[in-house]
Protein backbone atom coordinates (compact mmCIF):
# COMPACT_ATOMS: atom_id res chain seq x y z
CA UNK A 1 7.07 -0.26 22.67
CA UNK A 2 4.96 2.04 20.45
CA UNK A 3 5.35 1.55 16.70
CA UNK A 4 6.41 5.18 16.31
CA UNK A 5 9.50 4.58 18.47
CA UNK A 6 10.56 1.49 16.53
CA UNK A 7 9.94 3.24 13.22
CA UNK A 8 12.40 5.96 14.22
CA UNK A 9 15.10 3.28 14.31
CA UNK A 10 14.01 1.96 10.93
CA UNK A 11 13.85 5.42 9.34
CA UNK A 12 17.41 6.04 10.50
CA UNK A 13 18.44 3.29 8.07
CA UNK A 14 17.49 5.53 5.19
CA UNK A 15 20.93 7.09 5.58
CA UNK A 16 22.24 4.12 3.58
CA UNK A 17 20.12 5.19 0.59
CA UNK A 18 19.33 2.76 -2.23
CA UNK A 19 21.77 -0.12 -2.64
CA UNK A 20 20.77 -2.65 -5.31
CA UNK A 21 21.54 -6.28 -4.53
CA UNK A 22 20.15 -9.21 -2.54
CA UNK A 23 23.18 -10.17 -0.43
CA UNK A 24 22.29 -8.05 2.60
CA UNK A 25 18.61 -8.98 2.67
CA UNK A 26 19.59 -12.62 2.08
CA UNK A 27 21.84 -12.51 5.14
CA UNK A 28 19.06 -10.94 7.19
CA UNK A 29 16.50 -13.52 6.08
CA UNK A 30 18.96 -16.26 7.04
CA UNK A 31 19.33 -14.81 10.53
CA UNK A 32 15.53 -14.85 10.83
CA UNK A 33 15.36 -18.53 9.85
CA UNK A 34 14.41 -17.90 6.21
CA UNK A 35 10.74 -17.16 6.82
CA UNK A 36 10.25 -16.44 3.11
CA UNK A 37 10.39 -20.19 2.46
CA UNK A 38 7.24 -20.84 4.51
CA UNK A 39 4.78 -19.54 1.91
CA UNK A 40 4.34 -19.30 -1.84
CA UNK A 41 5.27 -16.08 -3.63
CA UNK A 42 4.15 -14.24 -6.75
CA UNK A 43 6.41 -11.37 -7.81
CA UNK A 44 4.90 -8.19 -9.29
CA UNK A 45 7.35 -5.90 -11.06
CA UNK A 46 7.00 -3.05 -13.54
CA UNK A 47 6.55 0.72 -13.57
CA UNK A 48 2.81 1.40 -13.43
CA UNK A 49 -0.10 -0.58 -12.04
CA UNK A 50 1.81 -2.80 -9.62
CA UNK A 51 -0.36 -1.93 -6.63
CA UNK A 52 -3.64 -2.21 -8.51
CA UNK A 53 -2.67 -5.49 -10.19
CA UNK A 54 -1.55 -6.92 -6.86
CA UNK A 55 -4.83 -5.82 -5.28
CA UNK A 56 -6.87 -7.51 -8.02
CA UNK A 57 -4.96 -10.79 -7.68
CA UNK A 58 -5.08 -10.70 -3.89
CA UNK A 59 -8.83 -10.08 -3.99
CA UNK A 60 -9.39 -13.03 -6.35
CA UNK A 61 -7.39 -15.37 -4.12
CA UNK A 62 -9.16 -14.08 -1.01
CA UNK A 63 -12.58 -14.79 -2.53
CA UNK A 64 -11.31 -18.24 -3.46
CA UNK A 65 -10.83 -18.93 0.24
CA UNK A 66 -7.04 -18.64 0.44
CA UNK A 67 -5.03 -16.76 3.05
CA UNK A 68 -3.22 -14.17 0.97
CA UNK A 69 -0.74 -11.46 1.87
CA UNK A 70 0.12 -8.35 -0.12
CA UNK A 71 3.35 -6.38 0.23
CA UNK A 72 3.56 -2.92 -1.32
CA UNK A 73 5.56 0.30 -1.25
CA UNK A 74 5.54 3.16 -0.58
CA UNK A 75 2.70 3.65 1.88
CA UNK A 76 0.33 6.59 1.54
CA UNK A 77 -0.43 7.43 5.17
CA UNK A 78 0.53 4.58 7.53
CA UNK A 79 3.54 2.28 7.46
CA UNK A 80 1.18 -0.63 8.23
CA UNK A 81 -0.37 -0.22 4.75
CA UNK A 82 2.63 -2.05 3.31
CA UNK A 83 1.57 -5.33 4.93
CA UNK A 84 -1.94 -6.59 4.19
CA UNK A 85 -3.31 -10.02 5.05
CA UNK A 86 -6.65 -10.92 3.51
CA UNK A 87 -7.06 -7.26 2.57
CA UNK A 88 -6.54 -5.93 6.10
CA UNK A 89 -3.56 -3.88 7.28
CA UNK A 90 -1.38 -5.58 9.84
CA UNK A 91 -1.92 -4.16 13.33
CA UNK A 92 0.46 -1.47 14.59
CA UNK A 93 0.92 -3.19 17.94
CA UNK A 94 2.00 -6.52 16.46
CA UNK A 95 4.08 -4.78 13.82
CA UNK A 96 6.12 -2.92 16.46
CA UNK A 97 7.30 -6.14 18.12
CA UNK A 98 8.04 -7.86 14.80
CA UNK A 99 9.99 -4.87 13.49
CA UNK A 100 12.04 -4.80 16.70
CA UNK A 101 13.03 -8.44 16.08
CA UNK A 102 14.09 -7.70 12.50
CA UNK A 103 16.08 -4.61 13.47
CA UNK A 104 17.97 -6.58 16.11
CA UNK A 105 18.90 -9.18 13.48
CA UNK A 106 19.71 -6.73 10.69
CA UNK A 107 23.30 -6.33 9.48
CA UNK A 108 24.69 -2.88 10.21
CA UNK A 109 24.59 -1.92 6.52
CA UNK A 110 21.06 -3.21 5.77
CA UNK A 111 18.89 -0.55 4.12
CA UNK A 112 15.39 0.68 4.94
CA UNK A 113 13.75 -1.28 2.12
CA UNK A 114 15.73 -4.44 2.81
CA UNK A 115 14.61 -4.45 6.43
CA UNK A 116 11.03 -3.73 5.40
CA UNK A 117 11.10 -6.63 2.93
CA UNK A 118 12.48 -9.02 5.56
CA UNK A 119 9.81 -7.77 7.96
CA UNK A 120 7.15 -8.77 5.44
CA UNK A 121 8.62 -12.27 5.26
CA UNK A 122 8.59 -12.66 9.04
CA UNK A 123 5.02 -11.38 9.39
CA UNK A 124 3.64 -13.48 6.55
CA UNK A 125 5.36 -16.58 7.85
CA UNK A 126 4.08 -16.14 11.39
CA UNK A 127 0.56 -15.45 10.12
CA UNK A 128 0.73 -18.67 8.08
CA UNK A 129 -0.28 -17.11 4.79
CA UNK A 130 -0.58 -19.42 1.83
CA UNK A 131 0.39 -16.97 -0.90
CA UNK A 132 2.23 -13.65 -0.78
CA UNK A 133 1.83 -11.17 -3.63
CA UNK A 134 5.12 -9.27 -3.42
CA UNK A 135 5.37 -5.93 -5.17
CA UNK A 136 8.94 -5.14 -6.15
CA UNK A 137 10.43 -1.78 -5.22
CA UNK A 138 11.96 0.19 -8.06
CA UNK A 139 13.73 -2.70 -9.74
CA UNK A 140 13.70 -6.42 -10.26
CA UNK A 141 16.88 -8.46 -10.54
CA UNK A 142 18.63 -6.48 -7.78
CA UNK A 143 15.50 -5.64 -5.79
CA UNK A 144 15.32 -6.86 -2.19
CA UNK A 145 12.14 -8.77 -3.00
CA UNK A 146 14.13 -10.89 -5.48
CA UNK A 147 15.45 -12.80 -2.46
CA UNK A 148 12.04 -14.51 -2.34
CA UNK A 149 11.72 -17.62 -4.51
CA UNK A 150 8.76 -16.57 -6.66
CA UNK A 151 6.88 -19.24 -8.56
CA UNK A 152 5.43 -16.66 -10.96
CA UNK A 153 6.33 -13.16 -12.13
CA UNK A 154 3.80 -10.53 -13.18
CA UNK A 155 5.16 -7.67 -15.28
CA UNK A 156 2.98 -4.58 -15.39
CA UNK A 157 3.58 -1.84 -18.01
CA UNK A 158 7.23 -0.79 -18.01
CA UNK A 159 8.35 2.77 -18.74
CA UNK A 160 11.46 4.90 -18.19
CA UNK A 161 11.77 4.83 -14.41
CA UNK A 162 14.57 5.45 -11.88
CA UNK A 163 17.04 5.77 -14.74
CA UNK A 164 19.89 6.66 -12.36
CA UNK A 165 19.71 3.11 -10.99
CA UNK A 166 18.06 0.94 -13.65
CA UNK A 167 19.46 2.24 -16.92
CA UNK A 168 18.82 4.99 -19.45
CA UNK A 169 16.89 3.02 -22.08
CA UNK A 170 13.73 0.95 -22.27
CA UNK A 171 15.83 -2.14 -22.95
CA UNK A 172 18.07 -1.66 -19.91
CA UNK A 173 15.17 -0.98 -17.57
CA UNK A 174 13.17 -3.92 -18.94
CA UNK A 175 16.11 -6.30 -18.47
CA UNK A 176 16.52 -5.18 -14.87
CA UNK A 177 12.84 -5.40 -13.99
CA UNK A 178 12.34 -8.70 -15.83
CA UNK A 179 15.46 -10.06 -14.14
CA UNK A 180 13.37 -10.88 -11.07
CA UNK A 181 11.81 -13.87 -12.85
CA UNK A 182 13.10 -17.23 -11.60
CA UNK A 183 14.32 -19.91 -14.05
CA UNK A 184 11.66 -22.28 -15.31
CA UNK A 185 8.72 -20.28 -13.96
CA UNK A 186 5.67 -18.65 -15.56
CA UNK A 187 5.67 -14.98 -16.55
CA UNK A 188 2.47 -12.98 -17.10
CA UNK A 189 3.04 -9.64 -18.85
CA UNK A 190 0.95 -6.65 -19.79
CA UNK A 191 1.32 -5.22 -23.28
CA UNK A 192 4.67 -3.46 -23.57
CA UNK A 193 6.51 -1.11 -25.93
CA UNK A 194 8.37 -3.05 -28.63
CA UNK A 195 11.82 -2.62 -27.06
CA UNK A 196 10.51 -3.72 -23.66
CA UNK A 197 8.68 -6.72 -25.13
CA UNK A 198 11.81 -7.93 -26.91
CA UNK A 199 13.88 -7.63 -23.73
CA UNK A 200 11.26 -9.60 -21.77
CA UNK A 201 11.12 -12.31 -24.43
CA UNK A 202 14.91 -12.57 -24.41
CA UNK A 203 14.98 -12.83 -20.62
CA UNK A 204 12.24 -15.47 -20.67
CA UNK A 205 14.09 -17.62 -23.19
CA UNK A 206 17.34 -17.33 -21.25
CA UNK A 207 15.61 -18.51 -18.08
CA UNK A 208 13.53 -21.19 -19.79
CA UNK A 209 10.40 -19.38 -18.59
CA UNK A 210 6.92 -19.62 -20.08
CA UNK A 211 5.69 -16.19 -21.16
CA UNK A 212 2.01 -15.24 -21.47
CA UNK A 213 1.25 -11.74 -22.75
CA UNK A 214 -1.82 -9.52 -22.80
CA UNK A 215 -2.99 -9.02 -26.38
CA UNK A 216 -1.50 -12.30 -27.52
CA UNK A 217 -2.45 -15.03 -25.04
CA UNK A 218 -5.31 -13.25 -23.25
CA UNK A 219 -7.19 -10.01 -23.81
CA UNK A 220 -9.41 -7.33 -22.31
CA UNK A 221 -11.86 -5.17 -24.24
CA UNK A 222 -13.70 -2.18 -22.78
CA UNK A 223 -17.46 -1.80 -23.18
CA UNK A 224 -19.38 1.45 -23.47
CA UNK A 225 -21.23 0.79 -20.21
CA UNK A 226 -18.03 0.93 -18.15
CA UNK A 227 -17.48 -2.82 -18.00
CA UNK A 228 -14.92 -4.97 -19.78
CA UNK A 229 -14.76 -8.45 -21.28
CA UNK A 230 -11.92 -10.83 -20.47
CA UNK A 231 -10.91 -13.63 -22.81
CA UNK A 232 -8.35 -15.73 -21.07
CA UNK A 233 -6.39 -18.89 -21.55
CA UNK A 234 -9.07 -21.13 -20.08
CA UNK A 235 -12.14 -18.99 -19.48
CA UNK A 236 -14.11 -16.03 -20.79
CA UNK A 237 -15.72 -13.48 -18.49
CA UNK A 238 -18.01 -10.72 -19.73
CA UNK A 239 -19.39 -7.47 -18.36
CA UNK A 240 -16.92 -7.21 -15.49
CA UNK A 241 -16.93 -3.89 -13.63
CA UNK A 242 -13.62 -3.32 -11.81
CA UNK A 243 -13.78 -2.15 -8.23
CA UNK A 244 -11.28 0.55 -9.15
CA UNK A 245 -12.20 3.40 -11.50
CA UNK A 246 -10.42 4.14 -14.76
CA UNK A 247 -10.49 2.38 -18.08
CA UNK A 248 -6.83 1.44 -17.68
CA UNK A 249 -7.80 -0.78 -14.75
CA UNK A 250 -9.12 -3.30 -17.26
CA UNK A 251 -5.47 -3.96 -18.17
CA UNK A 252 -4.44 -4.46 -14.56
CA UNK A 253 -7.47 -6.65 -13.88
CA UNK A 254 -6.84 -8.76 -17.00
CA UNK A 255 -3.22 -9.41 -16.01
CA UNK A 256 -4.37 -10.43 -12.52
CA UNK A 257 -7.06 -12.70 -13.98
CA UNK A 258 -4.47 -14.39 -16.22
CA UNK A 259 -2.22 -14.92 -13.20
CA UNK A 260 -5.13 -16.42 -11.26
CA UNK A 261 -5.93 -18.70 -14.20
CA UNK A 262 -2.33 -19.88 -14.23
CA UNK A 263 -2.39 -20.58 -10.50
CA UNK A 264 -5.63 -22.51 -10.97
CA UNK A 265 -4.09 -24.54 -13.79
CA UNK A 266 -1.21 -25.34 -11.45
CA UNK A 267 -3.57 -26.90 -8.93
CA UNK A 268 -4.74 -23.97 -6.80
CA UNK A 269 -8.45 -24.16 -6.03
CA UNK A 270 -10.18 -21.04 -7.40
CA UNK A 271 -13.94 -21.21 -7.85
CA UNK A 272 -15.37 -19.50 -10.96
CA UNK A 273 -17.23 -16.93 -8.84
CA UNK A 274 -13.96 -15.84 -7.19
CA UNK A 275 -12.64 -14.46 -10.48
CA UNK A 276 -15.67 -12.19 -10.79
CA UNK A 277 -16.00 -11.19 -7.14
CA UNK A 278 -12.27 -10.54 -6.88
CA UNK A 279 -12.32 -8.03 -9.73
CA UNK A 280 -15.55 -6.33 -8.69
CA UNK A 281 -14.60 -5.82 -5.02
CA UNK A 282 -10.88 -5.01 -5.41
CA UNK A 283 -9.74 -1.72 -3.91
CA UNK A 284 -6.48 0.17 -3.89
CA UNK A 285 -6.24 3.60 -2.24
CA UNK A 286 -5.12 6.72 -4.05
CA UNK A 287 -5.85 5.50 -7.57
CA UNK A 288 -8.73 7.40 -9.19
CA UNK A 289 -10.17 7.74 -5.69
CA UNK A 290 -13.14 10.09 -5.71
CA UNK A 291 -13.82 12.01 -2.51
CA UNK A 292 -17.44 13.19 -2.48
CA UNK A 293 -18.31 16.72 -1.48
CA UNK A 294 -18.56 20.17 -3.02
CA UNK A 295 -16.46 20.43 -5.02
CA UNK A 296 -15.43 16.82 -5.60
CA UNK A 297 -11.81 15.76 -5.08
CA UNK A 298 -10.24 13.14 -7.32
CA UNK A 299 -7.01 11.61 -5.98
CA UNK A 300 -4.67 9.74 -8.29
CA UNK A 301 -1.09 8.60 -7.77
CA UNK A 302 0.02 9.29 -11.36
CA UNK A 303 3.65 10.38 -11.07
CA UNK A 304 5.24 9.45 -14.40
CA UNK A 305 4.40 9.96 -18.10
CA UNK A 306 2.59 6.64 -18.62
CA UNK A 307 0.55 7.10 -15.46
CA UNK A 308 -0.37 10.64 -16.48
CA UNK A 309 -1.50 9.44 -19.93
CA UNK A 310 -3.73 6.82 -18.32
CA UNK A 311 -5.12 9.46 -15.98
CA UNK A 312 -5.85 11.85 -18.86
CA UNK A 313 -7.78 9.11 -20.67
CA UNK A 314 -9.71 8.20 -17.52
CA UNK A 315 -10.77 11.83 -16.98
CA UNK A 316 -12.91 11.50 -20.11
CA UNK A 317 -15.34 9.46 -18.00
CA UNK A 318 -15.98 12.37 -15.59
CA UNK A 319 -18.30 15.34 -16.02
CA UNK A 320 -17.22 18.73 -14.71
CA UNK A 321 -17.24 22.41 -15.63
CA UNK A 322 -13.57 23.10 -14.94
CA UNK A 323 -10.63 20.93 -13.94
CA UNK A 324 -8.54 22.44 -11.16
CA UNK A 325 -5.20 20.74 -10.64
CA UNK A 326 -3.46 20.57 -7.24
CA UNK A 327 -0.05 19.06 -7.84
CA UNK A 328 3.49 18.62 -6.61
CA UNK A 329 6.38 16.36 -7.56
CA UNK A 330 9.80 15.23 -6.43
CA UNK A 331 12.74 16.99 -8.01
CA UNK A 332 13.95 13.92 -9.91
CA UNK A 333 10.84 13.72 -12.09
CA UNK A 334 10.50 14.68 -15.76
CA UNK A 335 7.85 17.35 -15.29
CA UNK A 336 7.43 18.09 -19.00
CA UNK A 337 6.58 14.48 -19.86
CA UNK A 338 4.45 13.95 -16.75
CA UNK A 339 2.19 16.95 -17.31
CA UNK A 340 2.05 16.93 -21.12
CA UNK A 341 -1.06 14.68 -21.31
CA UNK A 342 -2.89 16.74 -18.68
CA UNK A 343 -2.15 20.27 -19.92
CA UNK A 344 -4.97 20.41 -22.52
CA UNK A 345 -7.50 19.41 -19.86
CA UNK A 346 -6.53 21.74 -17.02
CA UNK A 347 -8.13 25.15 -16.37
CA UNK A 348 -6.07 26.24 -13.35
CA UNK A 349 -3.13 24.87 -11.39
CA UNK A 350 -2.23 25.11 -7.70
CA UNK A 351 1.34 23.93 -7.12
CA UNK A 352 2.47 22.54 -3.78
CA UNK A 353 5.66 21.29 -2.14
CA UNK A 354 5.25 17.69 -0.91
CA UNK A 355 6.40 17.03 2.65
CA UNK A 356 9.14 14.65 1.56
CA UNK A 357 12.84 14.95 0.91
CA UNK A 358 13.88 16.03 -2.58
CA UNK A 359 10.56 17.70 -3.23
CA UNK A 360 10.42 20.20 -6.09
CA UNK A 361 9.53 23.61 -4.68
CA UNK A 362 6.06 24.90 -5.52
CA UNK A 363 7.41 28.17 -6.98
CA UNK A 364 9.62 26.34 -9.45
CA UNK A 365 6.79 24.03 -10.55
CA UNK A 366 4.49 27.04 -10.90
CA UNK A 367 6.97 28.70 -13.24
CA UNK A 368 6.90 25.60 -15.42
CA UNK A 369 3.12 25.87 -15.85
CA UNK A 370 3.35 29.59 -16.57
CA UNK A 371 5.80 28.81 -19.39
CA UNK A 372 3.15 26.47 -20.79
CA UNK A 373 0.61 29.30 -20.78
CA UNK A 374 -1.48 27.96 -17.88
CA UNK A 375 -2.50 30.03 -14.86
CA UNK A 376 -0.73 28.67 -11.80
CA UNK A 377 -0.53 29.66 -8.14
CA UNK A 378 2.21 28.43 -5.78
CA UNK A 379 0.48 27.50 -2.54
CA UNK A 380 3.17 26.02 -0.30
CA UNK A 381 1.74 23.01 1.50
CA UNK A 382 -0.58 20.40 0.04
CA UNK A 383 -3.40 21.35 2.42
CA UNK A 384 -3.01 25.02 1.43
CA UNK A 385 -3.26 24.04 -2.23
CA UNK A 386 -6.46 22.07 -1.62
CA UNK A 387 -7.95 24.95 0.36
CA UNK A 388 -7.10 27.50 -2.33
CA UNK A 389 -8.51 25.35 -5.13
CA UNK A 390 -11.71 24.68 -3.19
CA UNK A 391 -12.18 28.38 -2.44
CA UNK A 392 -12.02 29.20 -6.16
CA UNK A 393 -14.07 26.23 -7.40
CA UNK A 394 -17.73 26.09 -8.29
CA UNK A 395 -19.98 23.23 -7.25
CA UNK A 396 -19.61 21.62 -10.68
CA UNK A 397 -15.81 21.83 -10.89
CA UNK A 398 -13.51 18.88 -10.24
CA UNK A 399 -10.35 19.28 -8.13
CA UNK A 400 -7.72 16.78 -9.27
CA UNK A 401 -4.81 15.90 -6.97
CA UNK A 402 -1.89 14.10 -8.62
CA UNK A 403 1.82 14.30 -9.44
CA UNK A 404 3.15 12.21 -6.56
CA UNK A 405 1.94 9.44 -4.29
CA UNK A 406 3.25 11.58 -1.45
CA UNK A 407 0.90 14.42 -2.36
CA UNK A 408 -2.00 11.96 -2.40
CA UNK A 409 -0.81 10.57 0.93
CA UNK A 410 -0.81 14.04 2.51
CA UNK A 411 -4.36 14.66 1.32
CA UNK A 412 -5.57 11.32 2.68
CA UNK A 413 -3.88 12.00 6.02
CA UNK A 414 -5.55 15.42 6.14
CA UNK A 415 -8.95 13.92 5.35
CA UNK A 416 -8.43 11.28 8.06
CA UNK A 417 -7.08 13.94 10.47
CA UNK A 418 -3.93 11.99 11.26
CA UNK A 419 -0.25 12.94 11.19
CA UNK A 420 1.66 12.40 7.97
CA UNK A 421 5.30 11.43 7.40
CA UNK A 422 6.38 11.09 3.79
CA UNK A 423 8.86 8.25 3.31
CA UNK A 424 10.39 7.35 -0.02
CA UNK A 425 11.31 3.69 -0.31
């Protein structure tokens, strides 16, 4: 059966929406024979940098000779992107048959993300992976991925995120996201706002976890030549050039390096060269991804205030005459806080409506930019926005695409000349 046909059955499960809790996915995993117990798991939770940090760690472990799986969400273009083994997407043909098995076993009320998480467990088990790097969905304690017995938790930078489900304050969101950590395990955390840091420390003490934090137990410092130095718990690495662009990637790489150090200290064989090669060759699509041509396109998945701030800082490393912004968002986003860091840098804006449910209409987003005193044109579709920006750009301008991972996904699908279906979750 083609994957597209099986996916239609999975997508129908989105009618159940988001339902926090691990009972349903736990029941499903039990019906599948608990495949999640056949491999080791590292949890990655947070708001920003989860995909990049997971990619860095996976790359390090791959170069160390281990069979490593990476689970992520959402996908940009293809559903198969969510399941990577040794850096390669799982094949559509094999995925179709595995998804059919999981759907047949799924409780009637199981959600889209719960089924997708159980599917990852089944695939990784059957492919005999040694370590799975599992990126949490929106949460932590009540996230479907929490059904996996993680031996380590990585916490990337935490910001206000999905407040309708996770809480209205930094403390509430941090407690929920940090709640994925298992008692007595190791926790590796990026630097966090004070309220978030205190919540993580409290959660760690309550679970008798060992907490290691960037800036306190290990560090990363950026060099003027575009490299960074890492000073870890057991080793120091200098002049590392991340495979992913953006100064903020030094933070994600440092957290991944600390996690790899901890795994090595726990007995996992990781050769010194693997730390370096893993960072240098790591790749994650849609994050500061430069598409060559005239004019150049820069794709970035920044879709919240912290991500936009990191993007604004990273733009300082690029040379261009004008910055033309093609952007669209979902209607539950805080547009003022998302675009505030970018407004001083932008010369013209082309608003679009992402092809996903709950998209903010391009006309409404355009009116927001006009109120900020910035020229803006509503363009309808993402492809129309790209075309309009390119037609008005000079050879030395830079066209930036951001605001939503779904906008980036549409652009990548257009560049690859494949069909696109935006799926939240």
